[in-house]
Amino acid sequence: MSSEEPAPASSAPRPELTVTDPKAMRALAHPVRMALLELFAVSPTLTATQASETLGESPANCAFHLRTLAKYGFVEEAGGGRGRERPWRQVHESLSITPRRQRDPLARAAAEVLGSAFRDRWLERIRRRFTAREWPGEWDETATASNAVRFLTPAEAVEVMAELRQIVDRYRDRAYDPASRPQEALPFDIAVFGYPLVDLSGIGPDSDGAQEQDIS
């Protein structure tokens, strides 16, 4: 596709990209580049100027980082525009970066660093948003945090996480088709963490494993 050919704004990216190149992972482990990818969750296309207005970075810096993301296959030109007004779009909807699946030791180490960087961003955003609570009053009841411990087999844990993803994916098309978003809709961050508590597995043989907390 040439840079002058317009692309439909609602064109959804391919479902998932499995990243195995350690250079690509190191390139992505930069706060501005991670922030740029996050912006594509709310905007089908993005120019360097638009990104700069949201991120507080200069258009030139955003343009540089968008070109770097394109170099490693994370974004591509969407068609139309010139210079810093050139729109970009994300190539894949989600990234799979799993250290244990990396055969190359360098890739495994890079995946560990990148995964940690993403988790740190998510957790810091959660802390910041729940502290500031800068949202309209009608959203107060929606901002909640929930924690539950259940005894699951590996297969059951995979199934639970897949079911949670299916629920969230009911609304995935709204990311790439702004016209489908209800008027009152806002970007709503849903963070899901799941992991085994091996260190607690032998405590309380009579426990029913039903510990649960909801924090609003």
Protein backbone atom coordinates (compact mmCIF):
# COMPACT_ATOMS: atom_id res chain seq x y z
CA MET A 1 0.00 0.00 0.00
CA SER A 2 1.43 3.38 -0.99
CA SER A 3 1.60 6.26 1.48
CA GLU A 4 -0.95 8.16 -0.62
CA GLU A 5 -3.61 5.46 -0.66
CA PRO A 6 -6.22 5.96 2.08
CA ALA A 7 -7.09 3.02 4.28
CA PRO A 8 -10.45 2.52 5.99
CA ALA A 9 -10.30 3.71 9.61
CA SER A 10 -12.28 0.70 10.80
CA SER A 11 -9.77 -1.80 9.37
CA ALA A 12 -8.94 -4.06 12.30
CA PRO A 13 -5.39 -5.32 12.77
CA ARG A 14 -4.50 -8.98 12.70
CA PRO A 15 -5.31 -10.75 15.98
CA GLU A 16 -1.92 -11.47 17.53
CA LEU A 17 1.80 -11.13 16.94
CA THR A 18 4.20 -13.53 18.64
CA VAL A 19 7.43 -11.64 19.23
CA THR A 20 10.64 -13.69 19.25
CA ASP A 21 13.24 -11.17 18.03
CA PRO A 22 15.24 -9.86 21.02
CA LYS A 23 16.06 -6.65 19.09
CA ALA A 24 12.35 -5.99 18.56
CA MET A 25 11.64 -6.60 22.25
CA ARG A 26 14.44 -4.28 23.34
CA ALA A 27 13.16 -1.65 20.92
CA LEU A 28 9.66 -1.91 22.37
CA ALA A 29 10.88 -1.64 25.98
CA HIS A 30 10.81 2.16 25.83
CA PRO A 31 8.14 4.15 27.70
CA VAL A 32 7.19 6.35 24.73
CA ARG A 33 6.87 3.37 22.37
CA MET A 34 4.78 1.42 24.86
CA ALA A 35 2.60 4.50 25.36
CA LEU A 36 2.16 4.86 21.59
CA LEU A 37 0.97 1.26 21.26
CA GLU A 38 -1.48 1.85 24.10
CA LEU A 39 -2.95 4.82 22.22
CA PHE A 40 -3.96 2.53 19.35
CA ALA A 41 -6.41 0.88 21.75
CA VAL A 42 -8.52 4.06 21.58
CA SER A 43 -7.65 5.34 18.10
CA PRO A 44 -7.60 3.23 14.90
CA THR A 45 -5.02 5.57 13.37
CA LEU A 46 -2.61 8.02 14.91
CA THR A 47 -0.35 10.79 13.64
CA ALA A 48 2.78 12.04 15.38
CA THR A 49 1.04 15.34 16.06
CA GLN A 50 -1.99 13.65 17.64
CA ALA A 51 0.28 11.45 19.77
CA SER A 52 2.29 14.44 20.93
CA GLU A 53 -0.83 16.22 22.18
CA THR A 54 -1.76 13.24 24.36
CA LEU A 55 1.68 12.14 25.56
CA GLY A 56 3.22 15.57 26.07
CA GLU A 57 6.12 14.66 23.78
CA SER A 58 7.23 16.68 20.77
CA PRO A 59 5.80 15.71 17.35
CA ALA A 60 9.34 15.05 16.15
CA ASN A 61 9.99 12.62 19.01
CA CYS A 62 6.68 10.82 18.44
CA ALA A 63 7.43 10.57 14.72
CA PHE A 64 10.82 9.02 15.49
CA HIS A 65 9.31 6.43 17.83
CA LEU A 66 6.51 5.59 15.38
CA ARG A 67 9.10 4.95 12.67
CA THR A 68 11.03 2.73 15.09
CA LEU A 69 7.87 0.74 15.85
CA ALA A 70 7.30 0.38 12.11
CA LYS A 71 10.88 -0.81 11.61
CA TYR A 72 10.19 -3.79 13.87
CA GLY A 73 6.74 -4.54 12.45
CA PHE A 74 4.52 -3.21 15.25
CA VAL A 75 2.85 -0.42 13.24
CA GLU A 76 2.51 0.54 9.59
CA GLU A 77 1.45 3.54 7.53
CA ALA A 78 -2.31 3.79 7.22
CA GLY A 79 -2.17 5.79 4.01
CA GLY A 80 -2.50 9.50 3.30
CA GLY A 81 -0.96 12.48 5.01
CA ARG A 82 2.58 13.80 4.94
CA GLY A 83 5.38 14.14 7.44
CA ARG A 84 4.16 14.34 11.03
CA GLU A 85 0.55 14.36 9.80
CA ARG A 86 1.02 10.89 8.31
CA PRO A 87 -1.37 8.43 10.00
CA TRP A 88 -0.13 5.13 11.39
CA ARG A 89 -2.02 2.06 12.54
CA GLN A 90 -1.16 -0.95 14.65
CA VAL A 91 -0.38 -4.12 12.70
CA HIS A 92 -1.59 -6.59 15.34
CA GLU A 93 -4.28 -6.29 17.99
CA SER A 94 -2.18 -7.88 20.72
CA LEU A 95 1.36 -9.05 21.36
CA SER A 96 2.44 -12.42 22.72
CA ILE A 97 5.73 -12.12 24.58
CA THR A 98 6.20 -15.24 26.72
CA PRO A 99 9.67 -15.81 28.21
CA ARG A 100 9.25 -19.56 28.72
CA ARG A 101 8.46 -20.06 25.02
CA GLN A 102 11.60 -18.31 23.82
CA ARG A 103 14.25 -20.79 22.65
CA ASP A 104 16.96 -18.17 22.31
CA PRO A 105 18.43 -17.21 25.73
CA LEU A 106 18.80 -13.59 24.56
CA ALA A 107 15.15 -13.53 23.52
CA ARG A 108 14.12 -15.07 26.85
CA ALA A 109 16.01 -12.40 28.78
CA ALA A 110 14.57 -9.62 26.60
CA ALA A 111 11.06 -11.02 27.07
CA GLU A 112 11.50 -11.01 30.85
CA VAL A 113 12.56 -7.34 30.81
CA LEU A 114 9.77 -6.29 28.45
CA GLY A 115 7.10 -8.23 30.36
CA SER A 116 8.22 -6.63 33.60
CA ALA A 117 8.11 -3.17 31.98
CA PHE A 118 4.53 -3.70 30.80
CA ARG A 119 3.38 -5.01 34.19
CA ASP A 120 5.01 -2.04 35.95
CA ARG A 121 3.15 0.35 33.60
CA TRP A 122 -0.19 -1.35 34.26
CA LEU A 123 0.25 -1.41 38.03
CA GLU A 124 1.40 2.20 38.17
CA ARG A 125 -1.56 3.29 36.05
CA ILE A 126 -3.94 1.44 38.39
CA ARG A 127 -2.42 3.12 41.45
CA ARG A 128 -2.49 6.54 39.79
CA ARG A 129 -6.08 6.32 38.55
CA PHE A 130 -7.52 4.95 41.79
CA THR A 131 -5.73 7.67 43.75
CA ALA A 132 -6.83 10.55 41.53
CA ARG A 133 -10.31 9.21 40.66
CA GLU A 134 -10.60 11.83 37.92
CA TRP A 135 -13.69 10.51 36.18
CA PRO A 136 -17.33 11.64 35.93
CA GLY A 137 -19.49 10.84 38.96
CA GLU A 138 -21.62 8.32 37.08
CA TRP A 139 -18.51 6.13 36.72
CA ASP A 140 -17.82 5.87 40.46
CA GLU A 141 -19.59 2.51 40.80
CA THR A 142 -17.61 1.04 37.90
CA ALA A 143 -14.16 1.61 39.37
CA THR A 144 -13.58 -1.51 41.44
CA ALA A 145 -10.84 -3.99 42.25
CA SER A 146 -11.52 -7.63 42.97
CA ASN A 147 -9.32 -10.45 44.21
CA ALA A 148 -10.23 -14.12 44.62
CA VAL A 149 -8.19 -17.25 45.35
CA ARG A 150 -9.49 -20.55 43.94
CA PHE A 151 -7.98 -24.02 43.70
CA LEU A 152 -7.61 -24.83 39.99
CA THR A 153 -5.78 -27.31 37.81
CA PRO A 154 -3.54 -25.92 35.05
CA ALA A 155 -6.19 -26.76 32.45
CA GLU A 156 -8.91 -25.06 34.49
CA ALA A 157 -6.78 -21.96 34.98
CA VAL A 158 -6.24 -21.69 31.23
CA GLU A 159 -9.98 -22.09 30.67
CA VAL A 160 -10.88 -19.41 33.23
CA MET A 161 -8.51 -16.89 31.67
CA ALA A 162 -9.83 -17.70 28.19
CA GLU A 163 -13.43 -17.18 29.35
CA LEU A 164 -12.54 -13.81 30.86
CA ARG A 165 -10.91 -12.81 27.58
CA GLN A 166 -14.05 -13.84 25.65
CA ILE A 167 -16.17 -11.52 27.81
CA VAL A 168 -13.85 -8.57 27.18
CA ASP A 169 -13.62 -9.37 23.46
CA ARG A 170 -17.35 -8.75 23.01
CA TYR A 171 -16.44 -5.08 22.69
CA ARG A 172 -13.15 -5.35 20.80
CA ASP A 173 -14.50 -3.97 17.50
CA ARG A 174 -15.18 -0.60 19.12
CA ALA A 175 -11.43 0.00 19.27
CA TYR A 176 -11.24 0.04 15.46
CA ASP A 177 -14.66 1.44 14.61
CA PRO A 178 -15.33 4.68 16.53
CA ALA A 179 -18.80 4.93 14.97
CA SER A 180 -19.84 1.79 16.87
CA ARG A 181 -19.08 3.33 20.29
CA PRO A 182 -22.14 4.43 22.31
CA GLN A 183 -22.19 8.16 22.99
CA GLU A 184 -21.60 7.70 26.74
CA ALA A 185 -18.75 5.21 26.30
CA LEU A 186 -15.28 5.94 27.69
CA PRO A 187 -12.07 3.92 27.43
CA PHE A 188 -12.36 1.41 30.29
CA ASP A 189 -9.20 -0.35 31.45
CA ILE A 190 -9.62 -4.00 32.43
CA ALA A 191 -6.47 -5.57 33.85
CA VAL A 192 -6.47 -9.32 34.54
CA PHE A 193 -3.69 -11.12 36.39
CA GLY A 194 -3.64 -14.84 37.07
CA TYR A 195 -0.84 -16.84 38.69
CA PRO A 196 -0.35 -19.86 40.99
CA LEU A 197 0.33 -19.27 44.69
CA VAL A 198 2.74 -22.17 45.14
CA ASP A 199 4.03 -20.79 48.44
CA LEU A 200 0.52 -21.01 49.95
CA SER A 201 -0.50 -24.37 48.53
CA GLY A 202 0.29 -26.33 51.69
CA ILE A 203 -1.32 -23.96 54.19
CA GLY A 204 -4.64 -24.78 55.85
CA PRO A 205 -5.61 -28.27 54.57
CA ASP A 206 -9.18 -27.64 55.78
CA SER A 207 -9.49 -24.34 53.95
CA ASP A 208 -12.10 -24.13 51.20
CA GLY A 209 -9.95 -21.70 49.22
CA ALA A 210 -12.73 -19.15 49.10
CA GLN A 211 -10.84 -16.04 50.15
CA GLU A 212 -12.26 -13.11 48.28
CA GLN A 213 -11.92 -9.32 48.41
CA ASP A 214 -13.66 -6.52 46.56
CA ILE A 215 -12.25 -3.02 46.85
CA SER A 216 -14.05 -0.05 45.34
